[in-house]
Amino acid sequence: MAHTCKTCGAVAEDPGHLCAPSAETSTCSYCGKNAPHVKHYCKDKMEDLKYVCEGCGRLATSADLVCKPSKVPA
């Protein structure tokens, strides 16, 4: 199911790839907690964030999880 950003009109398969995703909840693949996709960064994930998407600003643990990956400055 595709999601559309209410701010810029971008379309993505995952709502976390949008600059203004909805507050729908999903299950975290790291900790299993059901939380809003846009806000949830569990402790273990925070320690592993290494990439940021230059398109939407999403943070990720690996480059394949974002559209336009760039290494997070150390």
N, C-alpha and C. Protein backbone atom coordinates (compact mmCIF):
# COMPACT_ATOMS: atom_id res chain seq x y z
N MET A 1 0.84 -1.18 0.00
CA MET A 1 0.00 0.00 0.00
C MET A 1 0.88 1.24 0.00
N ALA A 2 0.68 2.13 -0.92
CA ALA A 2 1.47 3.35 -1.01
C ALA A 2 0.91 4.42 -0.07
N HIS A 3 1.81 5.24 0.46
CA HIS A 3 1.44 6.34 1.34
C HIS A 3 1.87 7.64 0.67
N THR A 4 1.07 8.70 0.84
CA THR A 4 1.36 9.99 0.24
C THR A 4 1.61 11.03 1.34
N CYS A 5 2.68 11.80 1.20
CA CYS A 5 3.02 12.83 2.17
C CYS A 5 2.04 14.00 2.05
N LYS A 6 1.48 14.42 3.18
CA LYS A 6 0.53 15.53 3.18
C LYS A 6 1.22 16.87 2.97
N THR A 7 2.55 16.92 3.15
CA THR A 7 3.30 18.17 3.01
C THR A 7 3.80 18.40 1.59
N CYS A 8 4.50 17.39 1.03
CA CYS A 8 5.14 17.59 -0.27
C CYS A 8 4.55 16.77 -1.40
N GLY A 9 3.66 15.81 -1.09
CA GLY A 9 3.03 14.99 -2.11
C GLY A 9 3.83 13.78 -2.55
N ALA A 10 5.00 13.54 -1.94
CA ALA A 10 5.82 12.38 -2.29
C ALA A 10 5.06 11.10 -1.95
N VAL A 11 5.34 10.04 -2.69
CA VAL A 11 4.69 8.74 -2.46
C VAL A 11 5.77 7.74 -2.07
N ALA A 12 5.48 6.91 -1.05
CA ALA A 12 6.42 5.90 -0.60
C ALA A 12 5.67 4.67 -0.12
N GLU A 13 6.30 3.50 -0.21
CA GLU A 13 5.71 2.26 0.28
C GLU A 13 5.67 2.25 1.80
N ASP A 14 6.64 2.86 2.45
CA ASP A 14 6.74 2.90 3.91
C ASP A 14 6.49 4.33 4.38
N PRO A 15 5.54 4.57 5.29
CA PRO A 15 5.24 5.94 5.70
C PRO A 15 6.42 6.65 6.35
N GLY A 16 7.40 5.91 6.87
CA GLY A 16 8.57 6.53 7.48
C GLY A 16 9.48 7.23 6.48
N HIS A 17 9.26 7.00 5.19
CA HIS A 17 10.07 7.66 4.17
C HIS A 17 9.50 9.01 3.75
N LEU A 18 8.44 9.45 4.40
CA LEU A 18 7.81 10.72 4.06
C LEU A 18 8.19 11.79 5.07
N CYS A 19 8.20 13.06 4.66
CA CYS A 19 8.59 14.12 5.60
C CYS A 19 7.50 14.39 6.62
N ALA A 20 6.25 14.01 6.36
CA ALA A 20 5.15 14.18 7.32
C ALA A 20 4.31 12.92 7.36
N PRO A 21 4.87 11.81 7.87
CA PRO A 21 4.10 10.56 7.91
C PRO A 21 2.95 10.62 8.90
N SER A 22 1.99 9.74 8.74
CA SER A 22 0.86 9.71 9.65
C SER A 22 1.29 9.13 11.00
N ALA A 23 0.43 9.22 11.97
CA ALA A 23 0.74 8.71 13.32
C ALA A 23 0.31 7.26 13.49
N GLU A 24 0.07 6.53 12.37
CA GLU A 24 -0.29 5.12 12.45
C GLU A 24 0.81 4.37 13.20
N THR A 25 0.42 3.36 13.95
CA THR A 25 1.41 2.60 14.69
C THR A 25 1.87 1.38 13.89
N SER A 26 3.10 0.94 14.18
CA SER A 26 3.65 -0.26 13.59
C SER A 26 4.56 -0.90 14.62
N THR A 27 4.93 -2.15 14.38
CA THR A 27 5.77 -2.87 15.32
C THR A 27 7.24 -2.65 14.97
N CYS A 28 8.03 -2.24 15.95
CA CYS A 28 9.46 -2.00 15.77
C CYS A 28 10.17 -3.34 15.56
N SER A 29 10.95 -3.44 14.48
CA SER A 29 11.68 -4.68 14.21
C SER A 29 12.84 -4.89 15.18
N TYR A 30 13.24 -3.85 15.88
CA TYR A 30 14.33 -3.96 16.86
C TYR A 30 13.83 -4.45 18.22
N CYS A 31 12.82 -3.77 18.77
CA CYS A 31 12.41 -4.07 20.15
C CYS A 31 11.03 -4.70 20.27
N GLY A 32 10.25 -4.72 19.17
CA GLY A 32 8.94 -5.33 19.19
C GLY A 32 7.82 -4.44 19.72
N LYS A 33 8.14 -3.22 20.13
CA LYS A 33 7.14 -2.30 20.67
C LYS A 33 6.26 -1.77 19.54
N ASN A 34 4.97 -1.65 19.79
CA ASN A 34 4.04 -1.06 18.84
C ASN A 34 4.00 0.44 19.12
N ALA A 35 4.49 1.25 18.18
CA ALA A 35 4.63 2.69 18.40
C ALA A 35 4.42 3.44 17.09
N PRO A 36 4.13 4.75 17.17
CA PRO A 36 4.02 5.54 15.94
C PRO A 36 5.34 5.48 15.16
N HIS A 37 5.25 5.22 13.88
CA HIS A 37 6.43 5.04 13.04
C HIS A 37 7.34 6.26 13.03
N VAL A 38 6.78 7.43 13.04
CA VAL A 38 7.56 8.66 12.91
C VAL A 38 8.40 8.98 14.14
N LYS A 39 8.00 8.56 15.32
CA LYS A 39 8.67 8.98 16.55
C LYS A 39 9.55 7.92 17.22
N HIS A 40 9.34 6.65 16.95
CA HIS A 40 9.97 5.60 17.73
C HIS A 40 11.41 5.31 17.33
N TYR A 41 12.33 5.57 18.24
CA TYR A 41 13.72 5.15 18.12
C TYR A 41 14.11 4.51 19.43
N CYS A 42 14.10 3.18 19.50
CA CYS A 42 14.43 2.50 20.74
C CYS A 42 15.93 2.64 21.02
N LYS A 43 16.32 2.38 22.25
CA LYS A 43 17.71 2.58 22.69
C LYS A 43 18.71 1.83 21.81
N ASP A 44 18.44 0.56 21.53
CA ASP A 44 19.37 -0.22 20.72
C ASP A 44 19.52 0.36 19.32
N LYS A 45 18.42 0.82 18.74
CA LYS A 45 18.48 1.39 17.40
C LYS A 45 19.26 2.71 17.40
N MET A 46 19.09 3.53 18.42
CA MET A 46 19.79 4.82 18.51
C MET A 46 21.30 4.61 18.45
N GLU A 47 21.78 3.56 19.09
CA GLU A 47 23.22 3.28 19.10
C GLU A 47 23.73 2.81 17.74
N ASP A 48 22.84 2.27 16.90
CA ASP A 48 23.24 1.71 15.61
C ASP A 48 22.95 2.60 14.40
N LEU A 49 22.36 3.79 14.60
CA LEU A 49 22.04 4.66 13.46
C LEU A 49 23.32 5.15 12.79
N LYS A 50 23.45 4.83 11.51
CA LYS A 50 24.67 5.16 10.78
C LYS A 50 24.40 5.95 9.50
N TYR A 51 23.13 5.98 9.06
CA TYR A 51 22.80 6.62 7.78
C TYR A 51 21.61 7.57 7.93
N VAL A 52 21.59 8.57 7.08
CA VAL A 52 20.47 9.50 6.99
C VAL A 52 20.09 9.61 5.52
N CYS A 53 18.80 9.70 5.24
CA CYS A 53 18.35 9.86 3.85
C CYS A 53 18.44 11.33 3.47
N GLU A 54 19.12 11.61 2.38
CA GLU A 54 19.23 13.00 1.91
C GLU A 54 17.93 13.51 1.31
N GLY A 55 16.97 12.59 1.06
CA GLY A 55 15.68 12.99 0.51
C GLY A 55 14.66 13.33 1.57
N CYS A 56 14.47 12.43 2.55
CA CYS A 56 13.40 12.62 3.53
C CYS A 56 13.91 12.85 4.95
N GLY A 57 15.20 12.64 5.19
CA GLY A 57 15.75 12.87 6.52
C GLY A 57 15.64 11.69 7.47
N ARG A 58 15.10 10.58 6.99
CA ARG A 58 14.94 9.39 7.83
C ARG A 58 16.30 8.85 8.24
N LEU A 59 16.42 8.41 9.49
CA LEU A 59 17.64 7.79 9.99
C LEU A 59 17.52 6.29 9.86
N ALA A 60 18.64 5.59 9.64
CA ALA A 60 18.61 4.14 9.45
C ALA A 60 19.89 3.49 9.94
N THR A 61 19.78 2.20 10.19
CA THR A 61 20.92 1.42 10.64
C THR A 61 21.76 0.89 9.47
N SER A 62 21.17 0.83 8.27
CA SER A 62 21.93 0.39 7.09
C SER A 62 21.47 1.19 5.87
N ALA A 63 22.35 1.31 4.90
CA ALA A 63 22.10 2.14 3.72
C ALA A 63 20.91 1.66 2.90
N ASP A 64 20.63 0.35 2.90
CA ASP A 64 19.53 -0.17 2.08
C ASP A 64 18.15 0.16 2.64
N LEU A 65 18.07 0.77 3.81
CA LEU A 65 16.78 1.12 4.41
C LEU A 65 16.32 2.54 4.08
N VAL A 66 17.14 3.31 3.37
CA VAL A 66 16.76 4.68 3.00
C VAL A 66 16.95 4.89 1.50
N CYS A 67 16.24 5.87 0.96
CA CYS A 67 16.23 6.12 -0.49
C CYS A 67 17.56 6.69 -1.00
N LYS A 68 18.08 7.73 -0.30
CA LYS A 68 19.31 8.40 -0.71
C LYS A 68 20.26 8.43 0.48
N PRO A 69 20.93 7.29 0.76
CA PRO A 69 21.75 7.19 1.98
C PRO A 69 22.99 8.08 1.97
N SER A 70 23.27 8.61 3.15
CA SER A 70 24.48 9.37 3.39
C SER A 70 24.92 9.01 4.81
N LYS A 71 26.22 8.81 5.01
CA LYS A 71 26.71 8.46 6.34
C LYS A 71 26.43 9.60 7.33
N VAL A 72 26.00 9.23 8.53
CA VAL A 72 25.80 10.23 9.58
C VAL A 72 27.18 10.67 10.04
N PRO A 73 27.42 11.98 10.12
CA PRO A 73 28.72 12.46 10.57
C PRO A 73 29.04 11.96 11.99
N ALA A 74 30.26 11.53 12.18
CA ALA A 74 30.67 11.01 13.51
C ALA A 74 30.97 12.13 14.48
